[in-house]
Each structure stands twice: as structure tokens, then as C-alpha cells.
Amino acid sequence: MIHKPSAEGAAELKWLRSSYSSSGDGNDCVEVATTPATVHVRDSKNPPGPLLGFAPATWDAFLAYAAEN
């Protein structure tokens, strides 16, 4: 299981927004922050809200799959 950072910990992460998250209506924003052990994903419209956490290998597999499809 991946540990969810505290609100303070999440605020300290460097969040990057996906280049695919700008459809013009502002309703599909995804941000990602990485640490050596975890790739964190959140909805940029709700920064204090829930985070998803993935092992880096799992995230890499997802990106490879998404690039193919």
C-alpha cells in the first residue's frame, strides 16, 4: 500500500499539470508529482482533495499502455 502524504507533505510536492489537461473548459485537469518511491496524481481543481499514489513501475506501465492506445 502507498502512504498518502499529509496535507503539508502534499503541499511540498512539485506538481506538474498534464499538457493534455487543457481542453478549454477547465474541467479535466490532472497534476502529477513524483518522489523516488511514489508517483502522486490529483485533480488540480481540488488540491487538498484525495491523491492517487502509484509505484513508479506501475506508473511507467500505465504511460506505456496509454501511449499505445
N, C-alpha and C. Protein backbone atom coordinates (compact mmCIF):
# COMPACT_ATOMS: atom_id res chain seq x y z
N MET A 1 0.84 -1.16 0.00
CA MET A 1 0.00 0.00 0.00
C MET A 1 0.89 1.23 0.00
N ILE A 2 0.44 2.28 -0.68
CA ILE A 2 1.20 3.52 -0.75
C ILE A 2 0.65 4.50 0.26
N HIS A 3 1.53 5.11 1.01
CA HIS A 3 1.16 6.07 2.06
C HIS A 3 0.72 7.38 1.43
N LYS A 4 -0.42 7.90 1.87
CA LYS A 4 -0.88 9.22 1.43
C LYS A 4 -0.17 10.27 2.25
N PRO A 5 0.46 11.25 1.57
CA PRO A 5 1.14 12.30 2.34
C PRO A 5 0.14 13.16 3.08
N SER A 6 0.59 13.76 4.17
CA SER A 6 -0.27 14.70 4.88
C SER A 6 -0.50 15.92 4.01
N ALA A 7 -1.42 16.77 4.41
CA ALA A 7 -1.69 17.99 3.64
C ALA A 7 -0.41 18.81 3.49
N GLU A 8 0.39 18.86 4.55
CA GLU A 8 1.64 19.60 4.46
C GLU A 8 2.60 18.94 3.47
N GLY A 9 2.66 17.60 3.52
CA GLY A 9 3.53 16.87 2.61
C GLY A 9 3.12 17.04 1.17
N ALA A 10 1.84 17.01 0.89
CA ALA A 10 1.35 17.18 -0.47
C ALA A 10 1.65 18.58 -0.98
N ALA A 11 1.57 19.56 -0.10
CA ALA A 11 1.85 20.94 -0.49
C ALA A 11 3.33 21.12 -0.86
N GLU A 12 4.20 20.31 -0.27
CA GLU A 12 5.63 20.42 -0.54
C GLU A 12 6.05 19.74 -1.84
N LEU A 13 5.18 18.92 -2.40
CA LEU A 13 5.50 18.25 -3.66
C LEU A 13 5.48 19.25 -4.80
N LYS A 14 6.27 18.99 -5.83
CA LYS A 14 6.26 19.84 -7.02
C LYS A 14 5.27 19.24 -8.02
N TRP A 15 4.13 19.89 -8.18
CA TRP A 15 3.06 19.39 -9.03
C TRP A 15 3.22 19.90 -10.44
N LEU A 16 3.05 19.00 -11.40
CA LEU A 16 3.11 19.33 -12.83
C LEU A 16 1.78 18.98 -13.46
N ARG A 17 1.27 19.87 -14.29
CA ARG A 17 -0.01 19.63 -14.96
C ARG A 17 0.23 18.98 -16.31
N SER A 18 -0.61 18.01 -16.62
CA SER A 18 -0.54 17.33 -17.91
C SER A 18 -0.79 18.30 -19.05
N SER A 19 -0.02 18.19 -20.12
CA SER A 19 -0.25 19.04 -21.29
C SER A 19 -1.56 18.69 -21.98
N TYR A 20 -2.13 17.55 -21.66
CA TYR A 20 -3.41 17.13 -22.24
C TYR A 20 -4.60 17.60 -21.40
N SER A 21 -4.35 18.37 -20.37
CA SER A 21 -5.42 18.78 -19.45
C SER A 21 -5.97 20.16 -19.74
N SER A 22 -5.88 20.61 -20.96
CA SER A 22 -6.38 21.94 -21.26
C SER A 22 -7.32 21.90 -22.46
N SER A 23 -8.48 21.32 -22.25
CA SER A 23 -9.45 21.22 -23.34
C SER A 23 -10.20 22.51 -23.56
N GLY A 24 -9.97 23.50 -22.72
CA GLY A 24 -10.63 24.77 -22.87
C GLY A 24 -11.77 24.99 -21.89
N ASP A 25 -12.37 23.91 -21.39
CA ASP A 25 -13.47 24.09 -20.44
C ASP A 25 -13.01 24.04 -18.99
N GLY A 26 -11.75 23.69 -18.77
CA GLY A 26 -11.20 23.69 -17.42
C GLY A 26 -11.68 22.57 -16.52
N ASN A 27 -12.31 21.58 -17.07
CA ASN A 27 -12.88 20.51 -16.25
C ASN A 27 -12.09 19.21 -16.26
N ASP A 28 -10.95 19.17 -16.90
CA ASP A 28 -10.21 17.91 -16.96
C ASP A 28 -8.73 18.11 -16.68
N CYS A 29 -8.43 18.63 -15.50
CA CYS A 29 -7.05 18.94 -15.13
C CYS A 29 -6.48 17.87 -14.22
N VAL A 30 -5.36 17.31 -14.64
CA VAL A 30 -4.65 16.29 -13.87
C VAL A 30 -3.27 16.83 -13.57
N GLU A 31 -2.83 16.66 -12.32
CA GLU A 31 -1.48 17.04 -11.94
C GLU A 31 -0.76 15.83 -11.36
N VAL A 32 0.56 15.80 -11.58
CA VAL A 32 1.38 14.68 -11.13
C VAL A 32 2.58 15.24 -10.38
N ALA A 33 2.93 14.58 -9.29
CA ALA A 33 4.15 14.91 -8.54
C ALA A 33 4.87 13.60 -8.25
N THR A 34 6.18 13.61 -8.39
CA THR A 34 6.94 12.38 -8.18
C THR A 34 7.90 12.50 -7.00
N THR A 35 8.09 11.38 -6.35
CA THR A 35 9.12 11.21 -5.34
C THR A 35 9.85 9.93 -5.76
N PRO A 36 10.97 9.61 -5.15
CA PRO A 36 11.65 8.39 -5.55
C PRO A 36 10.79 7.13 -5.40
N ALA A 37 9.85 7.12 -4.44
CA ALA A 37 9.07 5.92 -4.17
C ALA A 37 7.65 5.95 -4.71
N THR A 38 7.15 7.14 -5.07
CA THR A 38 5.73 7.24 -5.41
C THR A 38 5.49 8.29 -6.49
N VAL A 39 4.54 7.99 -7.38
CA VAL A 39 4.01 8.98 -8.32
C VAL A 39 2.62 9.33 -7.82
N HIS A 40 2.43 10.60 -7.47
CA HIS A 40 1.16 11.09 -6.93
C HIS A 40 0.36 11.75 -8.05
N VAL A 41 -0.96 11.53 -8.07
CA VAL A 41 -1.84 12.12 -9.07
C VAL A 41 -3.01 12.77 -8.34
N ARG A 42 -3.39 13.98 -8.78
CA ARG A 42 -4.52 14.67 -8.16
C ARG A 42 -5.29 15.48 -9.20
N ASP A 43 -6.48 15.89 -8.82
CA ASP A 43 -7.30 16.78 -9.61
C ASP A 43 -6.89 18.21 -9.26
N SER A 44 -6.44 18.97 -10.24
CA SER A 44 -5.93 20.31 -9.94
C SER A 44 -7.01 21.27 -9.45
N LYS A 45 -8.25 20.95 -9.69
CA LYS A 45 -9.33 21.80 -9.21
C LYS A 45 -9.61 21.59 -7.73
N ASN A 46 -9.01 20.55 -7.15
CA ASN A 46 -9.24 20.22 -5.74
C ASN A 46 -7.91 19.81 -5.10
N PRO A 47 -6.94 20.73 -5.01
CA PRO A 47 -5.62 20.37 -4.47
C PRO A 47 -5.62 19.71 -3.10
N PRO A 48 -6.47 20.12 -2.14
CA PRO A 48 -6.44 19.44 -0.85
C PRO A 48 -7.19 18.11 -0.86
N GLY A 49 -7.81 17.79 -1.96
CA GLY A 49 -8.61 16.56 -2.05
C GLY A 49 -7.75 15.30 -2.11
N PRO A 50 -8.38 14.20 -2.44
CA PRO A 50 -7.67 12.92 -2.43
C PRO A 50 -6.57 12.84 -3.49
N LEU A 51 -5.57 12.03 -3.19
CA LEU A 51 -4.48 11.76 -4.12
C LEU A 51 -4.48 10.28 -4.45
N LEU A 52 -4.07 9.97 -5.65
CA LEU A 52 -3.79 8.59 -6.00
C LEU A 52 -2.28 8.43 -5.95
N GLY A 53 -1.80 7.31 -5.46
CA GLY A 53 -0.37 7.05 -5.40
C GLY A 53 -0.04 5.75 -6.10
N PHE A 54 0.98 5.78 -6.93
CA PHE A 54 1.40 4.61 -7.70
C PHE A 54 2.88 4.37 -7.52
N ALA A 55 3.27 3.12 -7.54
CA ALA A 55 4.69 2.79 -7.59
C ALA A 55 5.21 3.25 -8.95
N PRO A 56 6.45 3.74 -9.02
CA PRO A 56 6.97 4.22 -10.30
C PRO A 56 6.86 3.20 -11.44
N ALA A 57 7.10 1.93 -11.17
CA ALA A 57 6.99 0.92 -12.23
C ALA A 57 5.56 0.78 -12.74
N THR A 58 4.59 0.89 -11.84
CA THR A 58 3.19 0.84 -12.23
C THR A 58 2.83 2.04 -13.09
N TRP A 59 3.29 3.21 -12.70
CA TRP A 59 3.03 4.43 -13.47
C TRP A 59 3.67 4.32 -14.86
N ASP A 60 4.90 3.82 -14.92
CA ASP A 60 5.57 3.65 -16.21
C ASP A 60 4.78 2.70 -17.12
N ALA A 61 4.26 1.62 -16.54
CA ALA A 61 3.46 0.67 -17.32
C ALA A 61 2.18 1.34 -17.83
N PHE A 62 1.54 2.15 -17.00
CA PHE A 62 0.35 2.88 -17.42
C PHE A 62 0.68 3.82 -18.58
N LEU A 63 1.77 4.59 -18.46
CA LEU A 63 2.14 5.51 -19.52
C LEU A 63 2.43 4.79 -20.83
N ALA A 64 3.10 3.65 -20.76
CA ALA A 64 3.37 2.87 -21.96
C ALA A 64 2.06 2.39 -22.60
N TYR A 65 1.14 1.92 -21.79
CA TYR A 65 -0.15 1.47 -22.29
C TYR A 65 -0.92 2.64 -22.92
N ALA A 66 -0.95 3.78 -22.23
CA ALA A 66 -1.69 4.94 -22.73
C ALA A 66 -1.10 5.45 -24.05
N ALA A 67 0.22 5.40 -24.19
CA ALA A 67 0.85 5.85 -25.42
C ALA A 67 0.50 4.97 -26.60
N GLU A 68 0.25 3.70 -26.35
CA GLU A 68 -0.09 2.76 -27.41
C GLU A 68 -1.54 2.84 -27.82
N ASN A 69 -2.39 3.35 -26.95
CA ASN A 69 -3.82 3.34 -27.20
C ASN A 69 -4.32 4.72 -27.40
